[in-house]
PDB file of N, CA and C in Angstrom:
ATOM      1  N   MET A   1     191.061  99.774  19.069  1.00  0.00           N
ATOM      2  CA  MET A   1     192.454 100.350  18.718  1.00  0.00           C
ATOM      3  C   MET A   1     193.138 100.853  20.580  1.00  0.00           C
ATOM      4  N   THR A   2     192.076 101.215  21.465  1.00  0.00           N
ATOM      5  CA  THR A   2     192.720 101.508  22.570  1.00  0.00           C
ATOM      6  C   THR A   2     192.702 100.134  23.703  1.00  0.00           C
ATOM      7  N   LEU A   3     192.249  99.507  22.964  1.00  0.00           N
ATOM      8  CA  LEU A   3     191.974  97.909  24.064  1.00  0.00           C
ATOM      9  C   LEU A   3     193.671  97.180  23.398  1.00  0.00           C
ATOM     10  N   ALA A   4     193.434  97.649  22.454  1.00  0.00           N
ATOM     11  CA  ALA A   4     194.735  96.393  21.757  1.00  0.00           C
ATOM     12  C   ALA A   4     195.925  97.536  22.491  1.00  0.00           C
ATOM     13  N   ASN A   5     196.287  98.724  22.192  1.00  0.00           N
ATOM     14  CA  ASN A   5     197.182  99.399  22.735  1.00  0.00           C
ATOM     15  C   ASN A   5     197.499  99.561  24.539  1.00  0.00           C
ATOM     16  N   ARG A   6     196.408  98.875  25.153  1.00  0.00           N
ATOM     17  CA  ARG A   6     196.024  99.028  26.985  1.00  0.00           C
ATOM     18  C   ARG A   6     196.814  97.768  26.814  1.00  0.00           C
ATOM     19  N   ALA A   7     196.103  96.321  25.907  1.00  0.00           N
ATOM     20  CA  ALA A   7     197.050  95.162  26.396  1.00  0.00           C
ATOM     21  C   ALA A   7     198.443  95.402  26.135  1.00  0.00           C
ATOM     22  N   LEU A   8     199.174  95.902  24.634  1.00  0.00           N
ATOM     23  CA  LEU A   8     199.932  96.066  24.628  1.00  0.00           C
ATOM     24  C   LEU A   8     201.458  96.958  25.259  1.00  0.00           C
ATOM     25  N   ASP A   9     200.899  97.477  25.959  1.00  0.00           N
ATOM     26  CA  ASP A   9     201.660  98.850  26.876  1.00  0.00           C
ATOM     27  C   ASP A   9     200.677  99.210  27.625  1.00  0.00           C
ATOM     28  N   PRO A  10     200.318  99.455  28.950  1.00  0.00           N
ATOM     29  CA  PRO A  10     199.433 100.350  29.719  1.00  0.00           C
ATOM     30  C   PRO A  10     199.971 101.802  30.388  1.00  0.00           C
ATOM     31  N   GLU A  11     201.015 102.027  29.416  1.00  0.00           N
ATOM     32  CA  GLU A  11     201.156 103.381  29.530  1.00  0.00           C
ATOM     33  C   GLU A  11     201.107 103.979  28.169  1.00  0.00           C
ATOM     34  N   ILE A  12     200.793 103.260  27.494  1.00  0.00           N
ATOM     35  CA  ILE A  12     200.076 104.566  25.891  1.00  0.00           C
ATOM     36  C   ILE A  12     199.003 104.935  25.986  1.00  0.00           C
ATOM     37  N   ASP A  13     199.161 106.047  26.034  1.00  0.00           N
ATOM     38  CA  ASP A  13     197.841 107.036  25.916  1.00  0.00           C
ATOM     39  C   ASP A  13     196.867 107.053  24.492  1.00  0.00           C
ATOM     40  N   THR A  14     196.008 106.146  23.914  1.00  0.00           N
ATOM     41  CA  THR A  14     195.601 106.827  22.483  1.00  0.00           C
ATOM     42  C   THR A  14     194.882 108.151  22.757  1.00  0.00           C
ATOM     43  N   LEU A  15     194.419 108.526  21.918  1.00  0.00           N
ATOM     44  CA  LEU A  15     193.812 109.648  21.341  1.00  0.00           C
ATOM     45  C   LEU A  15     193.268 109.513  20.061  1.00  0.00           C
ATOM     46  N   PHE A  16     191.997 109.885  19.781  1.00  0.00           N
ATOM     47  CA  PHE A  16     190.823 109.756  19.001  1.00  0.00           C
ATOM     48  C   PHE A  16     190.574 111.463  18.515  1.00  0.00           C
ATOM     49  N   LEU A  17     190.986 111.469  16.550  1.00  0.00           N
ATOM     50  CA  LEU A  17     191.139 112.897  16.512  1.00  0.00           C
ATOM     51  C   LEU A  17     189.290 112.467  15.366  1.00  0.00           C
ATOM     52  N   MET A  18     188.583 113.138  15.031  1.00  0.00           N
ATOM     53  CA  MET A  18     187.951 112.266  14.286  1.00  0.00           C
ATOM     54  C   MET A  18     188.028 113.783  12.836  1.00  0.00           C
ATOM     55  N   ALA A  19     188.065 113.342  11.883  1.00  0.00           N
ATOM     56  CA  ALA A  19     188.131 114.200  10.892  1.00  0.00           C
ATOM     57  C   ALA A  19     186.916 114.596  10.059  1.00  0.00           C
ATOM     58  N   SER A  20     186.695 115.997   9.758  1.00  0.00           N
ATOM     59  CA  SER A  20     185.697 116.379   9.108  1.00  0.00           C
ATOM     60  C   SER A  20     184.722 115.415   8.200  1.00  0.00           C
ATOM     61  N   GLU A  21     183.350 115.552   8.176  1.00  0.00           N
ATOM     62  CA  GLU A  21     183.034 114.239   7.258  1.00  0.00           C
ATOM     63  C   GLU A  21     182.762 114.253   6.220  1.00  0.00           C
ATOM     64  N   LYS A  22     183.630 115.727   5.214  1.00  0.00           N
ATOM     65  CA  LYS A  22     184.024 115.373   4.226  1.00  0.00           C
ATOM     66  C   LYS A  22     185.147 114.835   3.628  1.00  0.00           C
ATOM     67  N   TYR A  23     185.968 114.086   4.474  1.00  0.00           N
ATOM     68  CA  TYR A  23     186.983 113.361   4.583  1.00  0.00           C
ATOM     69  C   TYR A  23     187.114 112.154   4.556  1.00  0.00           C
ATOM     70  N   THR A  24     185.714 111.546   5.177  1.00  0.00           N
ATOM     71  CA  THR A  24     185.377 110.007   5.939  1.00  0.00           C
ATOM     72  C   THR A  24     185.210 109.757   4.770  1.00  0.00           C
ATOM     73  N   HIS A  25     185.498 108.247   4.898  1.00  0.00           N
ATOM     74  CA  HIS A  25     185.231 106.896   4.038  1.00  0.00           C
ATOM     75  C   HIS A  25     183.415 106.864   4.549  1.00  0.00           C
ATOM     76  N   VAL A  26     182.489 106.531   3.428  1.00  0.00           N
ATOM     77  CA  VAL A  26     181.000 106.393   3.487  1.00  0.00           C
ATOM     78  C   VAL A  26     180.988 104.723   3.091  1.00  0.00           C
ATOM     79  N   SER A  27     180.656 103.907   3.615  1.00  0.00           N
ATOM     80  CA  SER A  27     180.460 102.383   2.848  1.00  0.00           C
ATOM     81  C   SER A  27     179.044 102.179   2.262  1.00  0.00           C
ATOM     82  N   SER A  28     179.121 101.383   0.782  1.00  0.00           N
ATOM     83  CA  SER A  28     177.920 101.368   0.079  1.00  0.00           C
ATOM     84  C   SER A  28     177.283 100.513   1.206  1.00  0.00           C
ATOM     85  N   THR A  29     177.904  99.935   2.169  1.00  0.00           N
ATOM     86  CA  THR A  29     176.142  99.433   2.484  1.00  0.00           C
ATOM     87  C   THR A  29     175.379 100.374   3.373  1.00  0.00           C
ATOM     88  N   LEU A  30     176.171 101.505   3.901  1.00  0.00           N
ATOM     89  CA  LEU A  30     175.061 102.661   4.602  1.00  0.00           C
ATOM     90  C   LEU A  30     174.654 102.957   3.582  1.00  0.00           C
ATOM     91  N   ILE A  31     175.136 103.661   2.615  1.00  0.00           N
ATOM     92  CA  ILE A  31     174.047 104.195   1.509  1.00  0.00           C
ATOM     93  C   ILE A  31     173.035 103.289   1.076  1.00  0.00           C
ATOM     94  N   LYS A  32     173.264 102.047   0.785  1.00  0.00           N
ATOM     95  CA  LYS A  32     171.874 101.313   0.647  1.00  0.00           C
ATOM     96  C   LYS A  32     170.778 101.300   1.885  1.00  0.00           C
ATOM     97  N   GLN A  33     171.208 100.973   3.199  1.00  0.00           N
ATOM     98  CA  GLN A  33     170.221 101.493   3.967  1.00  0.00           C
ATOM     99  C   GLN A  33     169.669 102.363   3.955  1.00  0.00           C
ATOM    100  N   ILE A  34     170.449 103.681   4.038  1.00  0.00           N
ATOM    101  CA  ILE A  34     169.905 104.951   4.173  1.00  0.00           C
ATOM    102  C   ILE A  34     168.870 104.841   2.767  1.00  0.00           C
ATOM    103  N   ALA A  35     169.070 104.076   1.733  1.00  0.00           N
ATOM    104  CA  ALA A  35     168.041 104.305   0.435  1.00  0.00           C
ATOM    105  C   ALA A  35     166.736 102.934   0.694  1.00  0.00           C
ATOM    106  N   GLN A  36     167.243 101.769   1.360  1.00  0.00           N
ATOM    107  CA  GLN A  36     165.976 101.444   1.693  1.00  0.00           C
ATOM    108  C   GLN A  36     164.827 101.786   2.818  1.00  0.00           C
ATOM    109  N   LEU A  37     165.742 102.679   3.748  1.00  0.00           N
ATOM    110  CA  LEU A  37     164.903 102.900   5.085  1.00  0.00           C
ATOM    111  C   LEU A  37     164.052 104.815   4.433  1.00  0.00           C
ATOM    112  N   ALA A  38     164.954 105.249   3.919  1.00  0.00           N
ATOM    113  CA  ALA A  38     164.071 106.487   3.564  1.00  0.00           C
ATOM    114  C   ALA A  38     162.821 106.475   3.161  1.00  0.00           C
ATOM    115  N   GLN A  39     162.364 107.852   4.365  1.00  0.00           N
ATOM    116  CA  GLN A  39     161.240 108.266   3.805  1.00  0.00           C
ATOM    117  C   GLN A  39     161.098 109.744   4.459  1.00  0.00           C
ATOM    118  N   GLY A  40     160.144 110.494   3.742  1.00  0.00           N
ATOM    119  CA  GLY A  40     160.024 112.061   3.672  1.00  0.00           C
ATOM    120  C   GLY A  40     161.649 112.788   3.707  1.00  0.00           C
ATOM    121  N   SER A  41     161.739 113.183   5.162  1.00  0.00           N
ATOM    122  CA  SER A  41     163.231 114.089   4.901  1.00  0.00           C
ATOM    123  C   SER A  41     163.972 113.266   5.075  1.00  0.00           C
ATOM    124  N   ALA A  42     164.119 111.910   5.477  1.00  0.00           N
ATOM    125  CA  ALA A  42     165.198 111.355   5.032  1.00  0.00           C
ATOM    126  C   ALA A  42     165.515 111.057   3.795  1.00  0.00           C
ATOM    127  N   ILE A  43     164.916 110.950   2.579  1.00  0.00           N
ATOM    128  CA  ILE A  43     165.709 111.329   1.611  1.00  0.00           C
ATOM    129  C   ILE A  43     166.298 112.023   1.061  1.00  0.00           C
ATOM    130  N   GLY A  44     166.001 113.393   1.897  1.00  0.00           N
ATOM    131  CA  GLY A  44     166.900 114.565   1.200  1.00  0.00           C
ATOM    132  C   GLY A  44     168.357 114.189   1.986  1.00  0.00           C
ATOM    133  N   LYS A  45     168.626 113.611   2.699  1.00  0.00           N
ATOM    134  CA  LYS A  45     169.742 112.871   3.558  1.00  0.00           C
ATOM    135  C   LYS A  45     170.706 112.436   2.596  1.00  0.00           C
ATOM    136  N   LEU A  46     170.266 111.645   1.550  1.00  0.00           N
ATOM    137  CA  LEU A  46     170.697 110.577   1.164  1.00  0.00           C
ATOM    138  C   LEU A  46     171.445 111.742  -0.145  1.00  0.00           C
ATOM    139  N   LYS A  47     171.098 112.720  -0.530  1.00  0.00           N
ATOM    140  CA  LYS A  47     171.581 113.500  -0.927  1.00  0.00           C
ATOM    141  C   LYS A  47     173.164 114.112  -0.490  1.00  0.00           C
ATOM    142  N   ASP A  48     173.437 114.213   1.230  1.00  0.00           N
ATOM    143  CA  ASP A  48     174.388 114.294   1.619  1.00  0.00           C
ATOM    144  C   ASP A  48     176.168 113.276   1.121  1.00  0.00           C
ATOM    145  N   PHE A  49     175.477 112.601   0.975  1.00  0.00           N
ATOM    146  CA  PHE A  49     175.983 110.866   0.705  1.00  0.00           C
ATOM    147  C   PHE A  49     176.794 110.540  -0.733  1.00  0.00           C
ATOM    148  N   VAL A  50     175.479 111.004  -1.551  1.00  0.00           N
ATOM    149  CA  VAL A  50     175.769 110.645  -2.968  1.00  0.00           C
ATOM    150  C   VAL A  50     175.790 111.698  -4.093  1.00  0.00           C
ATOM    151  N   PRO A  51     176.108 111.520  -4.864  1.00  0.00           N
ATOM    152  CA  PRO A  51     175.905 112.527  -6.555  1.00  0.00           C
ATOM    153  C   PRO A  51     174.303 113.258  -6.469  1.00  0.00           C
ATOM    154  N   PRO A  52     173.580 114.197  -6.683  1.00  0.00           N
ATOM    155  CA  PRO A  52     172.094 114.250  -6.826  1.00  0.00           C
ATOM    156  C   PRO A  52     171.474 113.262  -8.037  1.00  0.00           C
ATOM    157  N   GLU A  53     172.229 113.082  -9.322  1.00  0.00           N
ATOM    158  CA  GLU A  53     171.835 112.156  -9.998  1.00  0.00           C
ATOM    159  C   GLU A  53     171.716 110.825  -9.635  1.00  0.00           C
ATOM    160  N   VAL A  54     171.986 110.158  -8.715  1.00  0.00           N
ATOM    161  CA  VAL A  54     172.280 108.708  -8.486  1.00  0.00           C
ATOM    162  C   VAL A  54     171.156 108.645  -7.270  1.00  0.00           C
ATOM    163  N   VAL A  55     170.532 109.390  -6.682  1.00  0.00           N
ATOM    164  CA  VAL A  55     169.089 109.351  -5.860  1.00  0.00           C
ATOM    165  C   VAL A  55     168.277 108.446  -5.922  1.00  0.00           C
ATOM    166  N   GLU A  56     167.031 109.425  -7.416  1.00  0.00           N
ATOM    167  CA  GLU A  56     166.690 108.435  -7.606  1.00  0.00           C
ATOM    168  C   GLU A  56     166.221 106.940  -8.203  1.00  0.00           C
ATOM    169  N   PRO A  57     167.684 106.498  -8.699  1.00  0.00           N
ATOM    170  CA  PRO A  57     167.983 105.079  -9.117  1.00  0.00           C
ATOM    171  C   PRO A  57     168.191 104.271  -7.892  1.00  0.00           C
ATOM    172  N   LEU A  58     168.879 105.097  -6.920  1.00  0.00           N
ATOM    173  CA  LEU A  58     168.741 104.472  -6.068  1.00  0.00           C
ATOM    174  C   LEU A  58     167.806 103.989  -4.984  1.00  0.00           C
ATOM    175  N   LEU A  59     166.776 105.156  -5.142  1.00  0.00           N
ATOM    176  CA  LEU A  59     165.371 104.843  -4.156  1.00  0.00           C
ATOM    177  C   LEU A  59     164.651 104.020  -4.983  1.00  0.00           C
ATOM    178  N   ARG A  60     164.504 103.756  -6.402  1.00  0.00           N
ATOM    179  CA  ARG A  60     163.316 103.080  -7.290  1.00  0.00           C
ATOM    180  C   ARG A  60     164.605 101.554  -6.799  1.00  0.00           C
ATOM    181  N   LYS A  61     165.413 101.458  -6.749  1.00  0.00           N
ATOM    182  CA  LYS A  61     165.810  99.622  -6.642  1.00  0.00           C
ATOM    183  C   LYS A  61     165.672  99.657  -5.137  1.00  0.00           C
ATOM    184  N   TYR A  62     165.991 100.076  -4.437  1.00  0.00           N
ATOM    185  CA  TYR A  62     165.258  99.618  -2.987  1.00  0.00           C
ATOM    186  C   TYR A  62     164.577  99.672  -2.559  1.00  0.00           C
ATOM    187  N   ARG A  63     163.331 100.482  -3.190  1.00  0.00           N
ATOM    188  CA  ARG A  63     162.005 100.299  -3.463  1.00  0.00           C
ATOM    189  C   ARG A  63     161.448  98.984  -3.882  1.00  0.00           C
ATOM    190  N   ARG A  64     161.935  98.762  -4.270  1.00  0.00           N
ATOM    191  CA  ARG A  64     161.397  97.227  -4.878  1.00  0.00           C
ATOM    192  C   ARG A  64     161.591  96.325  -4.606  1.00  0.00           C
ATOM    193  N   GLY A  65     162.508  96.259  -3.309  1.00  0.00           N
ATOM    194  CA  GLY A  65     162.960  94.773  -2.371  1.00  0.00           C
ATOM    195  C   GLY A  65     164.344  94.537  -3.150  1.00  0.00           C
ATOM    196  N   ASN A  66     164.805  94.716  -4.019  1.00  0.00           N
ATOM    197  CA  ASN A  66     166.129  94.124  -5.037  1.00  0.00           C
ATOM    198  C   ASN A  66     167.007  94.373  -4.289  1.00  0.00           C
TER     199      ASN A  66
END
């Protein structure tokens, strides 16, 4: 966005404000990657992104290589 604004008008200043993580979008691709790579304490981090009852089925699915 900054580059587009600069190309359109060099006088435009772009300011990026980061929202709290509880208000951000999480893609399903990110969840799948975490499930595929999760080992040890990283498995617990999956609980930060999905409901607790979803964690085990996700891990089973992606550990099989599906």
